[in-house]
PDB file of N, CA and C in Angstrom:
ATOM      1  N   UNK A   1       1.018  -1.177  -0.033  1.00  0.00           N
ATOM      2  CA  UNK A   1      -0.213   0.156  -0.192  1.00  0.00           C
ATOM      3  C   UNK A   1       0.794   1.328  -0.061  1.00  0.00           C
ATOM      4  N   UNK A   2       0.375   2.258  -0.687  1.00  0.00           N
ATOM      5  CA  UNK A   2       1.623   3.425  -0.762  1.00  0.00           C
ATOM      6  C   UNK A   2       1.130   4.276   0.644  1.00  0.00           C
ATOM      7  N   UNK A   3       2.390   4.949   0.859  1.00  0.00           N
ATOM      8  CA  UNK A   3       2.597   5.549   2.215  1.00  0.00           C
ATOM      9  C   UNK A   3       0.937   7.189   2.127  1.00  0.00           C
ATOM     10  N   UNK A   4       0.886   7.291   1.136  1.00  0.00           N
ATOM     11  CA  UNK A   4      -0.018   8.234   1.556  1.00  0.00           C
ATOM     12  C   UNK A   4      -1.241   8.039   1.990  1.00  0.00           C
ATOM     13  N   UNK A   5      -1.953   6.804   1.063  1.00  0.00           N
ATOM     14  CA  UNK A   5      -2.954   5.755   1.212  1.00  0.00           C
ATOM     15  C   UNK A   5      -3.192   5.275   2.469  1.00  0.00           C
ATOM     16  N   UNK A   6      -2.007   5.188   2.872  1.00  0.00           N
ATOM     17  CA  UNK A   6      -2.231   3.985   4.234  1.00  0.00           C
ATOM     18  C   UNK A   6      -2.449   5.455   5.432  1.00  0.00           C
ATOM     19  N   UNK A   7      -1.165   7.054   5.285  1.00  0.00           N
ATOM     20  CA  UNK A   7      -1.606   7.868   5.996  1.00  0.00           C
ATOM     21  C   UNK A   7      -3.015   8.546   6.009  1.00  0.00           C
ATOM     22  N   UNK A   8      -3.767   8.393   4.618  1.00  0.00           N
ATOM     23  CA  UNK A   8      -5.426   8.676   4.630  1.00  0.00           C
ATOM     24  C   UNK A   8      -6.276   7.581   5.742  1.00  0.00           C
ATOM     25  N   UNK A   9      -5.925   6.821   5.177  1.00  0.00           N
ATOM     26  CA  UNK A   9      -6.942   5.544   5.424  1.00  0.00           C
ATOM     27  C   UNK A   9      -6.669   5.386   7.659  1.00  0.00           C
ATOM     28  N   UNK A  10      -5.313   5.849   7.989  1.00  0.00           N
ATOM     29  CA  UNK A  10      -5.088   6.199   9.116  1.00  0.00           C
ATOM     30  C   UNK A  10      -5.583   7.443   9.472  1.00  0.00           C
ATOM     31  N   UNK A  11      -5.409   8.329   9.355  1.00  0.00           N
ATOM     32  CA  UNK A  11      -5.757   9.412   9.743  1.00  0.00           C
ATOM     33  C   UNK A  11      -7.389   9.507  10.022  1.00  0.00           C
ATOM     34  N   UNK A  12      -8.630   8.994   8.695  1.00  0.00           N
ATOM     35  CA  UNK A  12      -9.760   8.889   8.721  1.00  0.00           C
ATOM     36  C   UNK A  12     -10.302   7.679   9.991  1.00  0.00           C
ATOM     37  N   UNK A  13      -9.759   6.718  10.269  1.00  0.00           N
ATOM     38  CA  UNK A  13     -10.142   5.664  10.796  1.00  0.00           C
ATOM     39  C   UNK A  13      -9.758   6.794  12.448  1.00  0.00           C
ATOM     40  N   UNK A  14      -8.934   7.362  12.409  1.00  0.00           N
ATOM     41  CA  UNK A  14      -8.412   8.129  14.076  1.00  0.00           C
ATOM     42  C   UNK A  14      -9.826   9.394  14.120  1.00  0.00           C
ATOM     43  N   UNK A  15      -9.921  10.109  12.630  1.00  0.00           N
ATOM     44  CA  UNK A  15     -10.512  11.069  12.892  1.00  0.00           C
ATOM     45  C   UNK A  15     -12.428  10.999  12.991  1.00  0.00           C
ATOM     46  N   UNK A  16     -12.247   9.942  12.117  1.00  0.00           N
ATOM     47  CA  UNK A  16     -13.976   9.782  12.278  1.00  0.00           C
ATOM     48  C   UNK A  16     -14.258   9.920  13.562  1.00  0.00           C
ATOM     49  N   UNK A  17     -14.186   8.461  14.119  1.00  0.00           N
ATOM     50  CA  UNK A  17     -14.730   8.419  15.151  1.00  0.00           C
ATOM     51  C   UNK A  17     -14.379   9.091  16.745  1.00  0.00           C
ATOM     52  N   UNK A  18     -13.597  10.046  16.298  1.00  0.00           N
ATOM     53  CA  UNK A  18     -13.397  10.955  17.366  1.00  0.00           C
ATOM     54  C   UNK A  18     -13.994  12.240  17.205  1.00  0.00           C
ATOM     55  N   UNK A  19     -14.654  12.444  15.853  1.00  0.00           N
ATOM     56  CA  UNK A  19     -15.843  13.092  15.889  1.00  0.00           C
ATOM     57  C   UNK A  19     -16.949  13.271  15.814  1.00  0.00           C
ATOM     58  N   UNK A  20     -17.562  11.464  15.971  1.00  0.00           N
ATOM     59  CA  UNK A  20     -18.752  11.050  16.239  1.00  0.00           C
ATOM     60  C   UNK A  20     -18.312  10.595  17.968  1.00  0.00           C
ATOM     61  N   UNK A  21     -17.962  10.991  18.672  1.00  0.00           N
ATOM     62  CA  UNK A  21     -17.543  10.313  19.853  1.00  0.00           C
ATOM     63  C   UNK A  21     -18.046  11.939  20.079  1.00  0.00           C
ATOM     64  N   UNK A  22     -17.299  12.735  19.891  1.00  0.00           N
ATOM     65  CA  UNK A  22     -17.743  14.459  20.293  1.00  0.00           C
ATOM     66  C   UNK A  22     -19.113  14.495  19.823  1.00  0.00           C
ATOM     67  N   UNK A  23     -19.859  14.077  18.940  1.00  0.00           N
ATOM     68  CA  UNK A  23     -20.877  14.616  18.493  1.00  0.00           C
ATOM     69  C   UNK A  23     -22.021  14.016  18.990  1.00  0.00           C
ATOM     70  N   UNK A  24     -22.081  12.470  19.855  1.00  0.00           N
ATOM     71  CA  UNK A  24     -22.853  12.394  20.791  1.00  0.00           C
ATOM     72  C   UNK A  24     -22.817  12.777  21.930  1.00  0.00           C
ATOM     73  N   UNK A  25     -21.579  12.713  22.815  1.00  0.00           N
ATOM     74  CA  UNK A  25     -21.679  14.160  23.752  1.00  0.00           C
ATOM     75  C   UNK A  25     -22.323  15.078  24.028  1.00  0.00           C
ATOM     76  N   UNK A  26     -22.277  15.901  22.667  1.00  0.00           N
ATOM     77  CA  UNK A  26     -22.788  16.986  22.884  1.00  0.00           C
ATOM     78  C   UNK A  26     -24.276  17.269  22.886  1.00  0.00           C
ATOM     79  N   UNK A  27     -24.313  16.007  21.993  1.00  0.00           N
ATOM     80  CA  UNK A  27     -26.343  15.272  21.835  1.00  0.00           C
ATOM     81  C   UNK A  27     -26.850  15.248  23.319  1.00  0.00           C
ATOM     82  N   UNK A  28     -25.753  14.353  24.211  1.00  0.00           N
ATOM     83  CA  UNK A  28     -26.116  13.994  25.168  1.00  0.00           C
ATOM     84  C   UNK A  28     -26.270  14.992  26.387  1.00  0.00           C
ATOM     85  N   UNK A  29     -25.306  15.493  26.507  1.00  0.00           N
ATOM     86  CA  UNK A  29     -25.015  16.670  27.341  1.00  0.00           C
ATOM     87  C   UNK A  29     -26.582  17.854  27.025  1.00  0.00           C
ATOM     88  N   UNK A  30     -25.836  18.601  25.966  1.00  0.00           N
ATOM     89  CA  UNK A  30     -26.653  19.542  25.393  1.00  0.00           C
ATOM     90  C   UNK A  30     -26.783  20.840  26.687  1.00  0.00           C
ATOM     91  N   UNK A  31     -25.396  21.726  26.699  1.00  0.00           N
ATOM     92  CA  UNK A  31     -25.594  22.262  27.659  1.00  0.00           C
ATOM     93  C   UNK A  31     -26.563  23.317  27.850  1.00  0.00           C
ATOM     94  N   UNK A  32     -27.017  23.739  26.784  1.00  0.00           N
ATOM     95  CA  UNK A  32     -27.791  24.791  26.550  1.00  0.00           C
ATOM     96  C   UNK A  32     -29.096  24.928  26.232  1.00  0.00           C
ATOM     97  N   UNK A  33     -29.575  23.395  25.345  1.00  0.00           N
ATOM     98  CA  UNK A  33     -30.837  23.096  25.576  1.00  0.00           C
ATOM     99  C   UNK A  33     -31.610  23.584  24.133  1.00  0.00           C
ATOM    100  N   UNK A  34     -30.382  23.605  23.212  1.00  0.00           N
ATOM    101  CA  UNK A  34     -30.715  23.895  21.681  1.00  0.00           C
ATOM    102  C   UNK A  34     -31.104  23.103  21.067  1.00  0.00           C
ATOM    103  N   UNK A  35     -30.559  21.748  21.155  1.00  0.00           N
ATOM    104  CA  UNK A  35     -31.078  20.655  20.229  1.00  0.00           C
ATOM    105  C   UNK A  35     -32.344  19.693  20.738  1.00  0.00           C
ATOM    106  N   UNK A  36     -32.593  20.194  21.830  1.00  0.00           N
ATOM    107  CA  UNK A  36     -33.744  19.461  22.666  1.00  0.00           C
ATOM    108  C   UNK A  36     -33.870  18.325  23.093  1.00  0.00           C
ATOM    109  N   UNK A  37     -32.669  17.510  23.307  1.00  0.00           N
ATOM    110  CA  UNK A  37     -32.495  15.721  23.589  1.00  0.00           C
ATOM    111  C   UNK A  37     -33.408  15.925  25.023  1.00  0.00           C
ATOM    112  N   UNK A  38     -33.465  14.694  25.170  1.00  0.00           N
ATOM    113  CA  UNK A  38     -34.196  14.186  26.594  1.00  0.00           C
ATOM    114  C   UNK A  38     -33.892  14.846  27.680  1.00  0.00           C
ATOM    115  N   UNK A  39     -34.143  14.687  28.857  1.00  0.00           N
ATOM    116  CA  UNK A  39     -33.318  14.948  30.192  1.00  0.00           C
ATOM    117  C   UNK A  39     -32.974  13.811  30.522  1.00  0.00           C
ATOM    118  N   UNK A  40     -32.003  13.562  31.097  1.00  0.00           N
ATOM    119  CA  UNK A  40     -31.784  11.800  31.793  1.00  0.00           C
ATOM    120  C   UNK A  40     -31.078  12.514  33.190  1.00  0.00           C
ATOM    121  N   UNK A  41     -31.767  12.036  33.631  1.00  0.00           N
ATOM    122  CA  UNK A  41     -32.018  12.154  35.276  1.00  0.00           C
ATOM    123  C   UNK A  41     -30.268  12.024  35.490  1.00  0.00           C
ATOM    124  N   UNK A  42     -30.042  13.218  36.608  1.00  0.00           N
ATOM    125  CA  UNK A  42     -28.251  12.816  37.153  1.00  0.00           C
ATOM    126  C   UNK A  42     -26.982  13.079  35.568  1.00  0.00           C
ATOM    127  N   UNK A  43     -27.740  13.793  34.191  1.00  0.00           N
ATOM    128  CA  UNK A  43     -26.382  13.765  33.512  1.00  0.00           C
ATOM    129  C   UNK A  43     -26.644  15.264  32.919  1.00  0.00           C
ATOM    130  N   UNK A  44     -28.249  15.628  32.649  1.00  0.00           N
ATOM    131  CA  UNK A  44     -28.188  16.877  31.647  1.00  0.00           C
ATOM    132  C   UNK A  44     -29.454  17.544  32.144  1.00  0.00           C
ATOM    133  N   UNK A  45     -30.050  17.247  33.395  1.00  0.00           N
ATOM    134  CA  UNK A  45     -31.154  17.771  33.664  1.00  0.00           C
ATOM    135  C   UNK A  45     -30.955  19.509  34.287  1.00  0.00           C
ATOM    136  N   UNK A  46     -29.736  19.292  34.354  1.00  0.00           N
ATOM    137  CA  UNK A  46     -29.232  21.091  35.255  1.00  0.00           C
ATOM    138  C   UNK A  46     -28.496  21.290  33.541  1.00  0.00           C
ATOM    139  N   UNK A  47     -29.124  22.661  32.819  1.00  0.00           N
ATOM    140  CA  UNK A  47     -28.872  23.535  31.735  1.00  0.00           C
ATOM    141  C   UNK A  47     -28.412  24.508  32.361  1.00  0.00           C
ATOM    142  N   UNK A  48     -27.609  24.919  33.134  1.00  0.00           N
ATOM    143  CA  UNK A  48     -27.137  26.191  33.741  1.00  0.00           C
ATOM    144  C   UNK A  48     -27.112  27.564  32.616  1.00  0.00           C
ATOM    145  N   UNK A  49     -26.106  26.694  31.381  1.00  0.00           N
ATOM    146  CA  UNK A  49     -25.651  28.038  30.928  1.00  0.00           C
ATOM    147  C   UNK A  49     -26.951  28.211  29.697  1.00  0.00           C
ATOM    148  N   UNK A  50     -28.289  27.926  29.921  1.00  0.00           N
ATOM    149  CA  UNK A  50     -29.058  29.115  28.867  1.00  0.00           C
ATOM    150  C   UNK A  50     -29.817  30.286  30.429  1.00  0.00           C
ATOM    151  N   UNK A  51     -29.223  30.036  31.201  1.00  0.00           N
ATOM    152  CA  UNK A  51     -30.096  31.065  32.082  1.00  0.00           C
ATOM    153  C   UNK A  51     -28.236  32.267  31.948  1.00  0.00           C
ATOM    154  N   UNK A  52     -27.469  32.264  31.738  1.00  0.00           N
ATOM    155  CA  UNK A  52     -26.265  32.784  31.399  1.00  0.00           C
ATOM    156  C   UNK A  52     -26.349  33.938  30.081  1.00  0.00           C
ATOM    157  N   UNK A  53     -27.091  33.186  29.365  1.00  0.00           N
ATOM    158  CA  UNK A  53     -26.803  33.427  27.330  1.00  0.00           C
ATOM    159  C   UNK A  53     -28.188  34.029  27.142  1.00  0.00           C
ATOM    160  N   UNK A  54     -28.864  34.817  27.892  1.00  0.00           N
ATOM    161  CA  UNK A  54     -30.370  35.280  27.768  1.00  0.00           C
ATOM    162  C   UNK A  54     -30.164  35.795  26.327  1.00  0.00           C
ATOM    163  N   UNK A  55     -29.449  36.434  25.722  1.00  0.00           N
ATOM    164  CA  UNK A  55     -29.137  36.821  23.948  1.00  0.00           C
ATOM    165  C   UNK A  55     -29.408  35.738  23.016  1.00  0.00           C
ATOM    166  N   UNK A  56     -28.839  34.587  23.316  1.00  0.00           N
ATOM    167  CA  UNK A  56     -28.553  33.891  22.511  1.00  0.00           C
ATOM    168  C   UNK A  56     -30.102  32.843  22.597  1.00  0.00           C
ATOM    169  N   UNK A  57     -30.530  33.157  23.551  1.00  0.00           N
ATOM    170  CA  UNK A  57     -31.468  31.902  23.987  1.00  0.00           C
ATOM    171  C   UNK A  57     -32.720  32.703  23.336  1.00  0.00           C
ATOM    172  N   UNK A  58     -32.859  34.574  23.561  1.00  0.00           N
ATOM    173  CA  UNK A  58     -33.962  34.544  22.872  1.00  0.00           C
ATOM    174  C   UNK A  58     -34.179  34.643  20.892  1.00  0.00           C
ATOM    175  N   UNK A  59     -32.873  34.452  20.329  1.00  0.00           N
ATOM    176  CA  UNK A  59     -32.698  34.315  19.258  1.00  0.00           C
ATOM    177  C   UNK A  59     -33.845  32.497  19.209  1.00  0.00           C
ATOM    178  N   UNK A  60     -32.623  31.647  19.162  1.00  0.00           N
ATOM    179  CA  UNK A  60     -33.763  30.268  19.526  1.00  0.00           C
ATOM    180  C   UNK A  60     -34.562  30.244  19.763  1.00  0.00           C
ATOM    181  N   UNK A  61     -35.610  31.021  20.555  1.00  0.00           N
ATOM    182  CA  UNK A  61     -36.525  31.066  21.345  1.00  0.00           C
ATOM    183  C   UNK A  61     -37.681  31.028  19.817  1.00  0.00           C
ATOM    184  N   UNK A  62     -37.268  32.515  19.188  1.00  0.00           N
ATOM    185  CA  UNK A  62     -37.597  33.100  18.263  1.00  0.00           C
ATOM    186  C   UNK A  62     -37.717  31.908  17.026  1.00  0.00           C
ATOM    187  N   UNK A  63     -36.827  31.065  16.612  1.00  0.00           N
ATOM    188  CA  UNK A  63     -37.472  29.817  15.831  1.00  0.00           C
ATOM    189  C   UNK A  63     -38.319  28.967  15.927  1.00  0.00           C
ATOM    190  N   UNK A  64     -38.274  28.560  17.046  1.00  0.00           N
ATOM    191  CA  UNK A  64     -39.468  27.648  18.125  1.00  0.00           C
ATOM    192  C   UNK A  64     -40.289  28.157  18.308  1.00  0.00           C
ATOM    193  N   UNK A  65     -40.603  29.285  18.525  1.00  0.00           N
ATOM    194  CA  UNK A  65     -42.171  29.463  18.683  1.00  0.00           C
ATOM    195  C   UNK A  65     -42.983  29.974  17.012  1.00  0.00           C
ATOM    196  N   UNK A  66     -41.820  30.474  16.549  1.00  0.00           N
ATOM    197  CA  UNK A  66     -42.697  30.840  15.523  1.00  0.00           C
ATOM    198  C   UNK A  66     -43.636  32.077  14.841  1.00  0.00           C
ATOM    199  N   UNK A  67     -43.283  33.375  15.446  1.00  0.00           N
ATOM    200  CA  UNK A  67     -44.463  34.411  15.994  1.00  0.00           C
ATOM    201  C   UNK A  67     -44.608  34.637  14.539  1.00  0.00           C
ATOM    202  N   UNK A  68     -45.650  35.196  14.523  1.00  0.00           N
ATOM    203  CA  UNK A  68     -46.971  35.727  13.423  1.00  0.00           C
ATOM    204  C   UNK A  68     -45.717  37.351  13.125  1.00  0.00           C
ATOM    205  N   UNK A  69     -45.796  37.873  14.503  1.00  0.00           N
ATOM    206  CA  UNK A  69     -45.290  39.344  14.748  1.00  0.00           C
ATOM    207  C   UNK A  69     -43.709  39.600  14.995  1.00  0.00           C
ATOM    208  N   UNK A  70     -43.376  39.894  14.997  1.00  0.00           N
ATOM    209  CA  UNK A  70     -42.026  40.345  15.463  1.00  0.00           C
ATOM    210  C   UNK A  70     -41.477  41.782  15.799  1.00  0.00           C
ATOM    211  N   UNK A  71     -41.677  42.184  17.127  1.00  0.00           N
ATOM    212  CA  UNK A  71     -41.283  43.436  17.295  1.00  0.00           C
ATOM    213  C   UNK A  71     -39.641  43.903  17.961  1.00  0.00           C
ATOM    214  N   UNK A  72     -38.769  44.318  17.122  1.00  0.00           N
ATOM    215  CA  UNK A  72     -37.247  44.615  16.969  1.00  0.00           C
ATOM    216  C   UNK A  72     -36.981  46.256  18.016  1.00  0.00           C
ATOM    217  N   UNK A  73     -36.259  46.152  18.521  1.00  0.00           N
ATOM    218  CA  UNK A  73     -35.718  47.602  19.421  1.00  0.00           C
ATOM    219  C   UNK A  73     -34.078  46.975  19.539  1.00  0.00           C
ATOM    220  N   UNK A  74     -34.473  49.058  19.628  1.00  0.00           N
ATOM    221  CA  UNK A  74     -32.694  48.724  20.486  1.00  0.00           C
ATOM    222  C   UNK A  74     -32.273  48.758  21.610  1.00  0.00           C
ATOM    223  N   UNK A  75     -33.200  49.835  22.563  1.00  0.00           N
ATOM    224  CA  UNK A  75     -33.415  50.222  23.475  1.00  0.00           C
ATOM    225  C   UNK A  75     -34.299  49.787  24.922  1.00  0.00           C
TER     226      UNK A  75
END
């Protein structure tokens, strides 16, 4: 097997499982409550980050609620 092919296969064999593991971890924990993952007692029932980032969650709630009218202001 050529060196570059072996390198690419090794790289993919290490990278893909790592990305999948991180993705599944983020899906399970979901500290911001954005993904609407189910609450698991003792694992992700407390999502404290949601209360510290009010601006982020106002934008996310707009997409969830889908209001007919939206009033915007700067003050």
